[in-house]
Structure formats: structure tokens, C-alpha cells
């Protein structure tokens, strides 16, 4: 049983998946910062100084708390729908970024399947010079 588990855990797909999850977590942090720190402030300013992360509804009807942090500190049960709006934006950005990556991968796969390999890159300059030296020596001898 241990041998089977070791074979499963060391398969390429499992390792690839683990790397993908770690990169995905890091990417999520970047997207969260993008939404919270870059996208939402201008939207809030356009809407008259609105900060979506502080939008909430107090479930007990208490309106004494001005911010979500104050409400949570006071122990008020809240529906934090502003954070939900931010989460929807984050999801949309992540989904769009993944769509672009997968779209490019599918295009590349289709080109390879058709036999259209990407154009080869030019050889390094030193290789070109060495080939010229070789050809010059062959011409002399």
C-alpha cells in the first residue's frame, strides 16, 4: 500500500498539480491586491467616495458601526456584501487571465498539430561567426 501511495504521489501529474496550486495561490494574492488597491479605489471615487469593502448590512438592525471592522469588533452579525463584490471582481479577473493563457496554449497546440512549428530563433552571433570561420578555412584547404 505504501508503494502504491509513493507511486501516486510522485507521478508527474500530481507534482504538476501541486506546482499549479502554489502558483495559483500566489496569483490570487496578486489579483486580490489588484482589485483592492488598484481597481476598486477609482471605482469608489467615480461613485462618490464609495469603499466597497466596508459595505455591510447589520443583521440585528444596529447602525452604530460606521465600518465593517467596527461592526465586527462590536460583535454585530453582518452581511459583508461589499467584500462579496470584491470577490466577484477577483474571480472575474482570474478567470479572464486563465482564459487568455488557455486560449494561447490551444492556439499553439493547433499550430503544432498542423505542423506549423513556431519559427526557429536565430542562432547566437558567436555560432554564426564560428560557421563563417569554418567555411573560410574549408575554402582555403
C-alpha atoms as a PDB file:
ATOM      1  CA  UNK A   1       0.000   0.000   0.000  1.00  0.00           C
ATOM      2  CA  UNK A   2       2.852   2.408   0.844  1.00  0.00           C
ATOM      3  CA  UNK A   3       4.497   1.638  -2.505  1.00  0.00           C
ATOM      4  CA  UNK A   4       1.265   2.437  -4.356  1.00  0.00           C
ATOM      5  CA  UNK A   5       0.892   5.706  -2.485  1.00  0.00           C
ATOM      6  CA  UNK A   6       4.505   6.651  -3.244  1.00  0.00           C
ATOM      7  CA  UNK A   7       3.989   5.915  -6.959  1.00  0.00           C
ATOM      8  CA  UNK A   8       0.814   8.028  -6.947  1.00  0.00           C
ATOM      9  CA  UNK A   9       2.407  10.922  -5.061  1.00  0.00           C
ATOM     10  CA  UNK A  10       5.460  11.008  -7.306  1.00  0.00           C
ATOM     11  CA  UNK A  11       3.603  10.890 -10.614  1.00  0.00           C
ATOM     12  CA  UNK A  12       4.230  13.875 -12.842  1.00  0.00           C
ATOM     13  CA  UNK A  13       0.584  14.922 -12.795  1.00  0.00           C
ATOM     14  CA  UNK A  14       0.461  15.179  -9.009  1.00  0.00           C
ATOM     15  CA  UNK A  15       3.654  17.244  -8.892  1.00  0.00           C
ATOM     16  CA  UNK A  16       2.409  19.470 -11.711  1.00  0.00           C
ATOM     17  CA  UNK A  17      -0.866  19.952  -9.872  1.00  0.00           C
ATOM     18  CA  UNK A  18       0.967  20.887  -6.659  1.00  0.00           C
ATOM     19  CA  UNK A  19       3.053  23.475  -8.511  1.00  0.00           C
ATOM     20  CA  UNK A  20      -0.119  24.828 -10.141  1.00  0.00           C
ATOM     21  CA  UNK A  21      -1.850  25.182  -6.788  1.00  0.00           C
ATOM     22  CA  UNK A  22       1.106  27.051  -5.280  1.00  0.00           C
ATOM     23  CA  UNK A  23       1.370  29.389  -8.272  1.00  0.00           C
ATOM     24  CA  UNK A  24      -2.404  29.834  -8.227  1.00  0.00           C
ATOM     25  CA  UNK A  25      -2.300  30.883  -4.578  1.00  0.00           C
ATOM     26  CA  UNK A  26       0.393  33.443  -5.346  1.00  0.00           C
ATOM     27  CA  UNK A  27      -1.545  34.666  -8.376  1.00  0.00           C
ATOM     28  CA  UNK A  28      -4.666  35.030  -6.232  1.00  0.00           C
ATOM     29  CA  UNK A  29      -2.751  37.285  -3.841  1.00  0.00           C
ATOM     30  CA  UNK A  30      -1.673  39.469  -6.759  1.00  0.00           C
ATOM     31  CA  UNK A  31      -5.222  39.641  -8.115  1.00  0.00           C
ATOM     32  CA  UNK A  32      -6.602  40.478  -4.653  1.00  0.00           C
ATOM     33  CA  UNK A  33      -4.162  43.378  -4.403  1.00  0.00           C
ATOM     34  CA  UNK A  34      -5.026  44.458  -7.958  1.00  0.00           C
ATOM     35  CA  UNK A  35      -8.737  44.542  -7.160  1.00  0.00           C
ATOM     36  CA  UNK A  36      -8.489  46.025  -3.643  1.00  0.00           C
ATOM     37  CA  UNK A  37      -5.681  48.511  -4.246  1.00  0.00           C
ATOM     38  CA  UNK A  38      -5.870  49.441  -7.946  1.00  0.00           C
ATOM     39  CA  UNK A  39      -9.340  48.792  -9.412  1.00  0.00           C
ATOM     40  CA  UNK A  40     -11.748  49.444  -6.549  1.00  0.00           C
ATOM     41  CA  UNK A  41     -10.424  52.854  -5.365  1.00  0.00           C
ATOM     42  CA  UNK A  42     -11.051  54.592  -8.739  1.00  0.00           C
ATOM     43  CA  UNK A  43     -14.470  52.935  -8.984  1.00  0.00           C
ATOM     44  CA  UNK A  44     -15.210  54.140  -5.472  1.00  0.00           C
ATOM     45  CA  UNK A  45     -14.124  57.681  -6.376  1.00  0.00           C
ATOM     46  CA  UNK A  46     -16.293  57.636  -9.517  1.00  0.00           C
ATOM     47  CA  UNK A  47     -19.229  56.590  -7.356  1.00  0.00           C
ATOM     48  CA  UNK A  48     -18.639  59.376  -4.845  1.00  0.00           C
ATOM     49  CA  UNK A  49     -16.003  58.035  -2.456  1.00  0.00           C
ATOM     50  CA  UNK A  50     -17.501  54.585  -2.011  1.00  0.00           C
ATOM     51  CA  UNK A  51     -15.365  51.856  -0.406  1.00  0.00           C
ATOM     52  CA  UNK A  52     -16.999  48.560  -1.322  1.00  0.00           C
ATOM     53  CA  UNK A  53     -15.020  46.610   1.262  1.00  0.00           C
ATOM     54  CA  UNK A  54     -16.934  48.479   4.000  1.00  0.00           C
ATOM     55  CA  UNK A  55     -20.411  47.831   2.610  1.00  0.00           C
ATOM     56  CA  UNK A  56     -22.352  45.673   5.012  1.00  0.00           C
ATOM     57  CA  UNK A  57     -25.796  45.122   6.466  1.00  0.00           C
ATOM     58  CA  UNK A  58     -26.126  44.688  10.227  1.00  0.00           C
ATOM     59  CA  UNK A  59     -28.422  41.723  10.774  1.00  0.00           C
ATOM     60  CA  UNK A  60     -29.682  42.979  14.128  1.00  0.00           C
ATOM     61  CA  UNK A  61     -30.567  46.426  12.738  1.00  0.00           C
ATOM     62  CA  UNK A  62     -27.789  48.150  14.674  1.00  0.00           C
ATOM     63  CA  UNK A  63     -26.456  51.091  12.635  1.00  0.00           C
ATOM     64  CA  UNK A  64     -23.949  52.376  15.203  1.00  0.00           C
ATOM     65  CA  UNK A  65     -20.907  50.917  13.419  1.00  0.00           C
ATOM     66  CA  UNK A  66     -19.577  53.042  10.562  1.00  0.00           C
ATOM     67  CA  UNK A  67     -17.188  50.448   9.162  1.00  0.00           C
ATOM     68  CA  UNK A  68     -17.143  46.702   8.837  1.00  0.00           C
ATOM     69  CA  UNK A  69     -14.192  46.479  11.232  1.00  0.00           C
ATOM     70  CA  UNK A  70     -16.107  48.417  13.885  1.00  0.00           C
ATOM     71  CA  UNK A  71     -19.144  46.183  13.454  1.00  0.00           C
ATOM     72  CA  UNK A  72     -17.081  43.020  13.803  1.00  0.00           C
ATOM     73  CA  UNK A  73     -15.242  44.436  16.798  1.00  0.00           C
ATOM     74  CA  UNK A  74     -18.595  45.206  18.453  1.00  0.00           C
ATOM     75  CA  UNK A  75     -19.730  41.637  17.761  1.00  0.00           C
ATOM     76  CA  UNK A  76     -22.511  42.671  15.384  1.00  0.00           C
ATOM     77  CA  UNK A  77     -23.589  39.971  12.935  1.00  0.00           C
ATOM     78  CA  UNK A  78     -23.245  41.402   9.424  1.00  0.00           C
ATOM     79  CA  UNK A  79     -23.667  40.522   5.780  1.00  0.00           C
ATOM     80  CA  UNK A  80     -20.471  41.902   4.218  1.00  0.00           C
ATOM     81  CA  UNK A  81     -21.764  42.248   0.659  1.00  0.00           C
ATOM     82  CA  UNK A  82     -19.001  44.716  -0.250  1.00  0.00           C
ATOM     83  CA  UNK A  83     -16.383  42.029   0.265  1.00  0.00           C
ATOM     84  CA  UNK A  84     -18.544  39.767  -1.890  1.00  0.00           C
ATOM     85  CA  UNK A  85     -18.470  42.357  -4.702  1.00  0.00           C
ATOM     86  CA  UNK A  86     -14.652  42.439  -4.425  1.00  0.00           C
ATOM     87  CA  UNK A  87     -14.541  38.618  -4.522  1.00  0.00           C
ATOM     88  CA  UNK A  88     -16.655  38.571  -7.695  1.00  0.00           C
ATOM     89  CA  UNK A  89     -14.272  41.046  -9.340  1.00  0.00           C
ATOM     90  CA  UNK A  90     -11.265  38.986  -8.275  1.00  0.00           C
ATOM     91  CA  UNK A  91     -12.832  35.821  -9.668  1.00  0.00           C
ATOM     92  CA  UNK A  92     -13.623  37.563 -12.951  1.00  0.00           C
ATOM     93  CA  UNK A  93     -10.035  38.781 -13.329  1.00  0.00           C
ATOM     94  CA  UNK A  94      -8.557  35.359 -12.515  1.00  0.00           C
ATOM     95  CA  UNK A  95     -10.982  33.621 -14.884  1.00  0.00           C
ATOM     96  CA  UNK A  96     -10.157  36.072 -17.691  1.00  0.00           C
ATOM     97  CA  UNK A  97      -6.402  35.659 -17.158  1.00  0.00           C
ATOM     98  CA  UNK A  98      -6.744  31.872 -17.255  1.00  0.00           C
ATOM     99  CA  UNK A  99      -8.908  32.162 -20.357  1.00  0.00           C
ATOM    100  CA  UNK A 100      -6.151  34.129 -22.109  1.00  0.00           C
ATOM    101  CA  UNK A 101      -3.463  31.623 -21.099  1.00  0.00           C
ATOM    102  CA  UNK A 102      -5.508  28.588 -22.149  1.00  0.00           C
ATOM    103  CA  UNK A 103      -6.528  30.287 -25.399  1.00  0.00           C
ATOM    104  CA  UNK A 104      -2.872  30.863 -26.296  1.00  0.00           C
ATOM    105  CA  UNK A 105      -1.975  27.285 -25.354  1.00  0.00           C
ATOM    106  CA  UNK A 106      -4.776  25.942 -27.552  1.00  0.00           C
ATOM    107  CA  UNK A 107      -3.600  28.104 -30.464  1.00  0.00           C
ATOM    108  CA  UNK A 108      -0.055  26.815 -30.038  1.00  0.00           C
ATOM    109  CA  UNK A 109      -1.271  23.205 -29.865  1.00  0.00           C
ATOM    110  CA  UNK A 110      -3.317  23.712 -33.027  1.00  0.00           C
ATOM    111  CA  UNK A 111      -0.298  25.167 -34.856  1.00  0.00           C
ATOM    112  CA  UNK A 112       1.857  22.253 -33.754  1.00  0.00           C
ATOM    113  CA  UNK A 113      -0.838  19.756 -34.782  1.00  0.00           C
ATOM    114  CA  UNK A 114      -0.956  21.341 -38.250  1.00  0.00           C
ATOM    115  CA  UNK A 115       2.796  21.044 -38.496  1.00  0.00           C
ATOM    116  CA  UNK A 116       3.357  24.758 -38.131  1.00  0.00           C
ATOM    117  CA  UNK A 117       6.091  24.882 -35.581  1.00  0.00           C
ATOM    118  CA  UNK A 118       6.955  28.298 -34.238  1.00  0.00           C
ATOM    119  CA  UNK A 119       9.656  29.932 -36.348  1.00  0.00           C
ATOM    120  CA  UNK A 120      13.142  28.971 -35.164  1.00  0.00           C
ATOM    121  CA  UNK A 121      15.071  31.658 -33.413  1.00  0.00           C
ATOM    122  CA  UNK A 122      18.255  32.974 -34.971  1.00  0.00           C
ATOM    123  CA  UNK A 123      21.441  31.258 -33.782  1.00  0.00           C
ATOM    124  CA  UNK A 124      23.671  33.181 -31.399  1.00  0.00           C
ATOM    125  CA  UNK A 125      26.169  35.559 -33.016  1.00  0.00           C
ATOM    126  CA  UNK A 126      29.196  33.516 -31.935  1.00  0.00           C
ATOM    127  CA  UNK A 127      27.821  30.440 -33.724  1.00  0.00           C
ATOM    128  CA  UNK A 128      27.385  32.426 -36.928  1.00  0.00           C
ATOM    129  CA  UNK A 129      30.956  33.724 -36.654  1.00  0.00           C
ATOM    130  CA  UNK A 130      32.329  30.237 -35.977  1.00  0.00           C
ATOM    131  CA  UNK A 131      30.497  28.892 -39.024  1.00  0.00           C
ATOM    132  CA  UNK A 132      31.976  31.696 -41.152  1.00  0.00           C
ATOM    133  CA  UNK A 133      35.489  30.869 -39.851  1.00  0.00           C
ATOM    134  CA  UNK A 134      34.914  27.174 -40.564  1.00  0.00           C
ATOM    135  CA  UNK A 135      33.723  27.917 -44.100  1.00  0.00           C
ATOM    136  CA  UNK A 136      36.723  30.225 -44.714  1.00  0.00           C
ATOM    137  CA  UNK A 137      39.126  27.515 -43.539  1.00  0.00           C
ATOM    138  CA  UNK A 138      37.437  24.917 -45.774  1.00  0.00           C
ATOM    139  CA  UNK A 139      37.730  27.270 -48.755  1.00  0.00           C
ATOM    140  CA  UNK A 140      41.494  27.655 -48.167  1.00  0.00           C
ATOM    141  CA  UNK A 141      42.188  23.958 -47.756  1.00  0.00           C
END
